[in-house]
Amino acid sequence: MKKRLAWSCLALALASSAPATAAPKTVTLAVPGMNCAACPITVKKALGKVPGVAKTDVNLDKREATVTFDDARTDVQALLRTAQDAGYSSTVVGSAK
């Protein structure tokens, strides 16, 4: 009986100490100021340095950046600020998924 209680307590302690995992989110940003071949590289590098960003795809033809990120570590506003700080104003296309 004591072993069962000890295992139950241990399992409860481990479960409650595990970090909560957030589902990855994806957002597409319109970046109308991208107008040369170097622009997507600059935007991708800047967004890729944001903590929590897992993937960034930048399309010069569409003038868009699609970013997959951990919403427990960053948010859309931080991504918009990062693009702005890199010299590119941006807006959200649709809503974050």
N, C-alpha and C. Protein backbone atom coordinates (compact mmCIF):
# COMPACT_ATOMS: atom_id res chain seq x y z
N MET A 1 0.82 -1.18 0.00
CA MET A 1 0.00 0.00 0.00
C MET A 1 0.86 1.25 0.00
N LYS A 2 1.94 1.24 0.81
CA LYS A 2 2.81 2.40 0.88
C LYS A 2 3.54 2.62 -0.44
N LYS A 3 3.92 1.50 -1.11
CA LYS A 3 4.59 1.63 -2.41
C LYS A 3 3.66 2.27 -3.43
N ARG A 4 2.41 1.86 -3.44
CA ARG A 4 1.45 2.40 -4.39
C ARG A 4 1.26 3.90 -4.14
N LEU A 5 1.17 4.29 -2.90
CA LEU A 5 1.02 5.70 -2.54
C LEU A 5 2.27 6.48 -2.94
N ALA A 6 3.43 5.90 -2.73
CA ALA A 6 4.68 6.57 -3.09
C ALA A 6 4.76 6.77 -4.60
N TRP A 7 4.40 5.74 -5.37
CA TRP A 7 4.42 5.85 -6.83
C TRP A 7 3.40 6.88 -7.32
N SER A 8 2.26 6.91 -6.70
CA SER A 8 1.24 7.89 -7.08
C SER A 8 1.73 9.31 -6.82
N CYS A 9 2.36 9.51 -5.68
CA CYS A 9 2.90 10.83 -5.35
C CYS A 9 4.00 11.23 -6.33
N LEU A 10 4.85 10.27 -6.66
CA LEU A 10 5.94 10.54 -7.60
C LEU A 10 5.37 10.90 -8.97
N ALA A 11 4.40 10.15 -9.43
CA ALA A 11 3.79 10.42 -10.74
C ALA A 11 3.13 11.79 -10.76
N LEU A 12 2.45 12.14 -9.69
CA LEU A 12 1.80 13.44 -9.59
C LEU A 12 2.83 14.57 -9.59
N ALA A 13 3.92 14.38 -8.87
CA ALA A 13 4.97 15.39 -8.81
C ALA A 13 5.61 15.59 -10.17
N LEU A 14 5.88 14.51 -10.88
CA LEU A 14 6.48 14.61 -12.21
C LEU A 14 5.53 15.28 -13.20
N ALA A 15 4.28 14.93 -13.14
CA ALA A 15 3.30 15.51 -14.06
C ALA A 15 3.13 17.00 -13.82
N SER A 16 3.14 17.42 -12.58
CA SER A 16 2.92 18.82 -12.28
C SER A 16 4.17 19.66 -12.51
N SER A 17 5.36 19.03 -12.55
CA SER A 17 6.58 19.79 -12.76
C SER A 17 6.96 19.89 -14.23
N ALA A 18 6.31 19.12 -15.08
CA ALA A 18 6.61 19.17 -16.51
C ALA A 18 6.15 20.49 -17.09
N PRO A 19 6.95 21.09 -17.97
CA PRO A 19 6.55 22.36 -18.55
C PRO A 19 5.34 22.18 -19.46
N ALA A 20 4.48 23.17 -19.45
CA ALA A 20 3.32 23.14 -20.33
C ALA A 20 3.81 23.38 -21.75
N THR A 21 3.34 22.58 -22.67
CA THR A 21 3.76 22.76 -24.05
C THR A 21 2.67 23.49 -24.80
N ALA A 22 3.08 24.49 -25.53
CA ALA A 22 2.14 25.25 -26.33
C ALA A 22 2.16 24.69 -27.74
N ALA A 23 1.04 24.76 -28.37
CA ALA A 23 0.95 24.30 -29.74
C ALA A 23 1.64 25.33 -30.63
N PRO A 24 2.38 24.88 -31.63
CA PRO A 24 3.00 25.85 -32.54
C PRO A 24 1.92 26.61 -33.31
N LYS A 25 2.19 27.87 -33.56
CA LYS A 25 1.28 28.70 -34.33
C LYS A 25 2.00 29.17 -35.58
N THR A 26 1.22 29.46 -36.60
CA THR A 26 1.77 29.97 -37.84
C THR A 26 1.05 31.25 -38.21
N VAL A 27 1.82 32.24 -38.61
CA VAL A 27 1.26 33.52 -39.03
C VAL A 27 1.94 33.93 -40.33
N THR A 28 1.18 34.56 -41.19
CA THR A 28 1.73 35.11 -42.43
C THR A 28 1.73 36.62 -42.31
N LEU A 29 2.89 37.21 -42.56
CA LEU A 29 3.03 38.65 -42.50
C LEU A 29 3.19 39.21 -43.91
N ALA A 30 2.44 40.25 -44.21
CA ALA A 30 2.65 40.98 -45.45
C ALA A 30 3.81 41.93 -45.21
N VAL A 31 4.80 41.87 -46.10
CA VAL A 31 5.99 42.72 -45.96
C VAL A 31 6.17 43.45 -47.30
N PRO A 32 5.38 44.51 -47.51
CA PRO A 32 5.38 45.17 -48.82
C PRO A 32 6.67 45.87 -49.21
N GLY A 33 7.54 46.16 -48.25
CA GLY A 33 8.78 46.85 -48.54
C GLY A 33 9.88 45.99 -49.13
N MET A 34 9.66 44.69 -49.23
CA MET A 34 10.68 43.82 -49.82
C MET A 34 10.65 44.03 -51.34
N ASN A 35 11.78 44.48 -51.90
CA ASN A 35 11.76 44.75 -53.34
C ASN A 35 13.04 44.32 -54.06
N CYS A 36 13.92 43.60 -53.36
CA CYS A 36 15.13 43.11 -54.03
C CYS A 36 15.47 41.72 -53.48
N ALA A 37 16.44 41.08 -54.09
CA ALA A 37 16.79 39.71 -53.70
C ALA A 37 17.37 39.62 -52.29
N ALA A 38 17.94 40.71 -51.78
CA ALA A 38 18.53 40.69 -50.44
C ALA A 38 17.47 40.85 -49.35
N CYS A 39 16.34 41.44 -49.69
CA CYS A 39 15.31 41.71 -48.68
C CYS A 39 14.81 40.45 -47.96
N PRO A 40 14.43 39.39 -48.69
CA PRO A 40 13.95 38.19 -47.99
C PRO A 40 15.01 37.58 -47.07
N ILE A 41 16.26 37.69 -47.46
CA ILE A 41 17.33 37.15 -46.62
C ILE A 41 17.38 37.91 -45.31
N THR A 42 17.29 39.23 -45.39
CA THR A 42 17.33 40.08 -44.20
C THR A 42 16.14 39.79 -43.29
N VAL A 43 14.95 39.69 -43.87
CA VAL A 43 13.73 39.43 -43.09
C VAL A 43 13.81 38.05 -42.44
N LYS A 44 14.23 37.05 -43.21
CA LYS A 44 14.31 35.68 -42.67
C LYS A 44 15.32 35.59 -41.53
N LYS A 45 16.47 36.22 -41.68
CA LYS A 45 17.48 36.19 -40.61
C LYS A 45 16.95 36.86 -39.35
N ALA A 46 16.31 38.01 -39.52
CA ALA A 46 15.80 38.75 -38.36
C ALA A 46 14.74 37.94 -37.63
N LEU A 47 13.76 37.43 -38.36
CA LEU A 47 12.69 36.67 -37.72
C LEU A 47 13.20 35.36 -37.13
N GLY A 48 14.18 34.76 -37.76
CA GLY A 48 14.74 33.50 -37.26
C GLY A 48 15.47 33.64 -35.93
N LYS A 49 15.87 34.86 -35.57
CA LYS A 49 16.56 35.09 -34.31
C LYS A 49 15.61 35.29 -33.13
N VAL A 50 14.33 35.41 -33.41
CA VAL A 50 13.37 35.61 -32.32
C VAL A 50 13.23 34.30 -31.55
N PRO A 51 13.41 34.32 -30.23
CA PRO A 51 13.25 33.10 -29.44
C PRO A 51 11.85 32.50 -29.63
N GLY A 52 11.80 31.22 -29.93
CA GLY A 52 10.52 30.56 -30.12
C GLY A 52 10.14 30.36 -31.58
N VAL A 53 10.85 31.02 -32.49
CA VAL A 53 10.56 30.85 -33.92
C VAL A 53 11.19 29.53 -34.37
N ALA A 54 10.35 28.67 -34.96
CA ALA A 54 10.82 27.37 -35.41
C ALA A 54 11.13 27.35 -36.90
N LYS A 55 10.37 28.14 -37.67
CA LYS A 55 10.53 28.09 -39.13
C LYS A 55 10.08 29.42 -39.72
N THR A 56 10.80 29.87 -40.73
CA THR A 56 10.43 31.10 -41.44
C THR A 56 10.61 30.87 -42.93
N ASP A 57 9.53 31.11 -43.68
CA ASP A 57 9.58 31.05 -45.14
C ASP A 57 9.23 32.43 -45.66
N VAL A 58 10.09 32.97 -46.51
CA VAL A 58 9.87 34.31 -47.04
C VAL A 58 9.74 34.22 -48.55
N ASN A 59 8.70 34.86 -49.09
CA ASN A 59 8.43 34.83 -50.52
C ASN A 59 8.48 36.25 -51.06
N LEU A 60 9.50 36.54 -51.87
CA LEU A 60 9.67 37.88 -52.42
C LEU A 60 8.54 38.23 -53.39
N ASP A 61 8.13 37.28 -54.23
CA ASP A 61 7.08 37.56 -55.22
C ASP A 61 5.77 37.97 -54.55
N LYS A 62 5.42 37.27 -53.47
CA LYS A 62 4.18 37.59 -52.74
C LYS A 62 4.39 38.70 -51.72
N ARG A 63 5.67 38.98 -51.42
CA ARG A 63 6.04 39.95 -50.38
C ARG A 63 5.41 39.55 -49.04
N GLU A 64 5.66 38.27 -48.71
CA GLU A 64 5.12 37.70 -47.47
C GLU A 64 6.17 36.87 -46.74
N ALA A 65 6.00 36.81 -45.43
CA ALA A 65 6.83 35.94 -44.58
C ALA A 65 5.88 35.08 -43.76
N THR A 66 6.04 33.78 -43.82
CA THR A 66 5.24 32.85 -43.04
C THR A 66 6.13 32.32 -41.92
N VAL A 67 5.66 32.51 -40.69
CA VAL A 67 6.48 32.19 -39.52
C VAL A 67 5.74 31.19 -38.63
N THR A 68 6.42 30.11 -38.27
CA THR A 68 5.89 29.14 -37.31
C THR A 68 6.65 29.37 -36.01
N PHE A 69 5.90 29.51 -34.92
CA PHE A 69 6.52 29.88 -33.65
C PHE A 69 5.79 29.25 -32.47
N ASP A 70 6.49 29.20 -31.35
CA ASP A 70 5.95 28.69 -30.09
C ASP A 70 5.33 29.88 -29.36
N ASP A 71 4.02 29.88 -29.21
CA ASP A 71 3.35 31.05 -28.62
C ASP A 71 3.58 31.17 -27.11
N ALA A 72 4.26 30.20 -26.52
CA ALA A 72 4.64 30.33 -25.11
C ALA A 72 5.94 31.14 -24.99
N ARG A 73 6.66 31.29 -26.10
CA ARG A 73 7.94 31.99 -26.07
C ARG A 73 7.93 33.33 -26.79
N THR A 74 7.02 33.52 -27.73
CA THR A 74 6.93 34.78 -28.45
C THR A 74 5.51 34.98 -28.93
N ASP A 75 5.24 36.13 -29.52
CA ASP A 75 3.90 36.40 -30.03
C ASP A 75 4.00 37.19 -31.34
N VAL A 76 2.85 37.40 -31.96
CA VAL A 76 2.80 38.07 -33.25
C VAL A 76 3.36 39.49 -33.15
N GLN A 77 3.06 40.18 -32.06
CA GLN A 77 3.56 41.55 -31.91
C GLN A 77 5.09 41.59 -31.91
N ALA A 78 5.72 40.61 -31.30
CA ALA A 78 7.19 40.56 -31.30
C ALA A 78 7.72 40.33 -32.72
N LEU A 79 7.02 39.53 -33.49
CA LEU A 79 7.43 39.29 -34.88
C LEU A 79 7.30 40.57 -35.70
N LEU A 80 6.20 41.28 -35.52
CA LEU A 80 6.00 42.54 -36.23
C LEU A 80 7.07 43.56 -35.85
N ARG A 81 7.39 43.65 -34.56
CA ARG A 81 8.43 44.57 -34.10
C ARG A 81 9.79 44.20 -34.69
N THR A 82 10.07 42.91 -34.77
CA THR A 82 11.35 42.45 -35.30
C THR A 82 11.48 42.83 -36.77
N ALA A 83 10.42 42.63 -37.54
CA ALA A 83 10.45 43.03 -38.95
C ALA A 83 10.67 44.54 -39.06
N GLN A 84 9.98 45.29 -38.22
CA GLN A 84 10.12 46.75 -38.22
C GLN A 84 11.56 47.15 -37.87
N ASP A 85 12.12 46.52 -36.86
CA ASP A 85 13.49 46.81 -36.45
C ASP A 85 14.51 46.48 -37.55
N ALA A 86 14.15 45.52 -38.42
CA ALA A 86 15.03 45.15 -39.53
C ALA A 86 14.83 46.09 -40.72
N GLY A 87 13.87 47.01 -40.59
CA GLY A 87 13.64 48.00 -41.65
C GLY A 87 12.46 47.71 -42.54
N TYR A 88 11.61 46.77 -42.14
CA TYR A 88 10.47 46.37 -42.98
C TYR A 88 9.18 46.41 -42.18
N SER A 89 8.31 47.33 -42.53
CA SER A 89 7.01 47.34 -41.86
C SER A 89 6.23 46.12 -42.36
N SER A 90 5.38 45.59 -41.49
CA SER A 90 4.62 44.40 -41.86
C SER A 90 3.27 44.42 -41.16
N THR A 91 2.35 43.66 -41.70
CA THR A 91 1.03 43.48 -41.12
C THR A 91 0.66 42.01 -41.20
N VAL A 92 -0.26 41.60 -40.38
CA VAL A 92 -0.71 40.21 -40.36
C VAL A 92 -1.70 39.99 -41.51
N VAL A 93 -1.49 38.90 -42.24
CA VAL A 93 -2.41 38.48 -43.30
C VAL A 93 -3.34 37.46 -42.67
N GLY A 94 -4.63 37.71 -42.61
CA GLY A 94 -5.55 36.77 -41.97
C GLY A 94 -5.31 36.75 -40.47
N SER A 95 -5.39 35.56 -39.86
CA SER A 95 -5.15 35.43 -38.43
C SER A 95 -4.17 34.30 -38.16
N ALA A 96 -3.54 34.36 -37.02
CA ALA A 96 -2.57 33.31 -36.64
C ALA A 96 -3.29 31.99 -36.46
N LYS A 97 -2.67 30.90 -36.94
CA LYS A 97 -3.27 29.56 -36.82
C LYS A 97 -2.55 28.77 -35.76
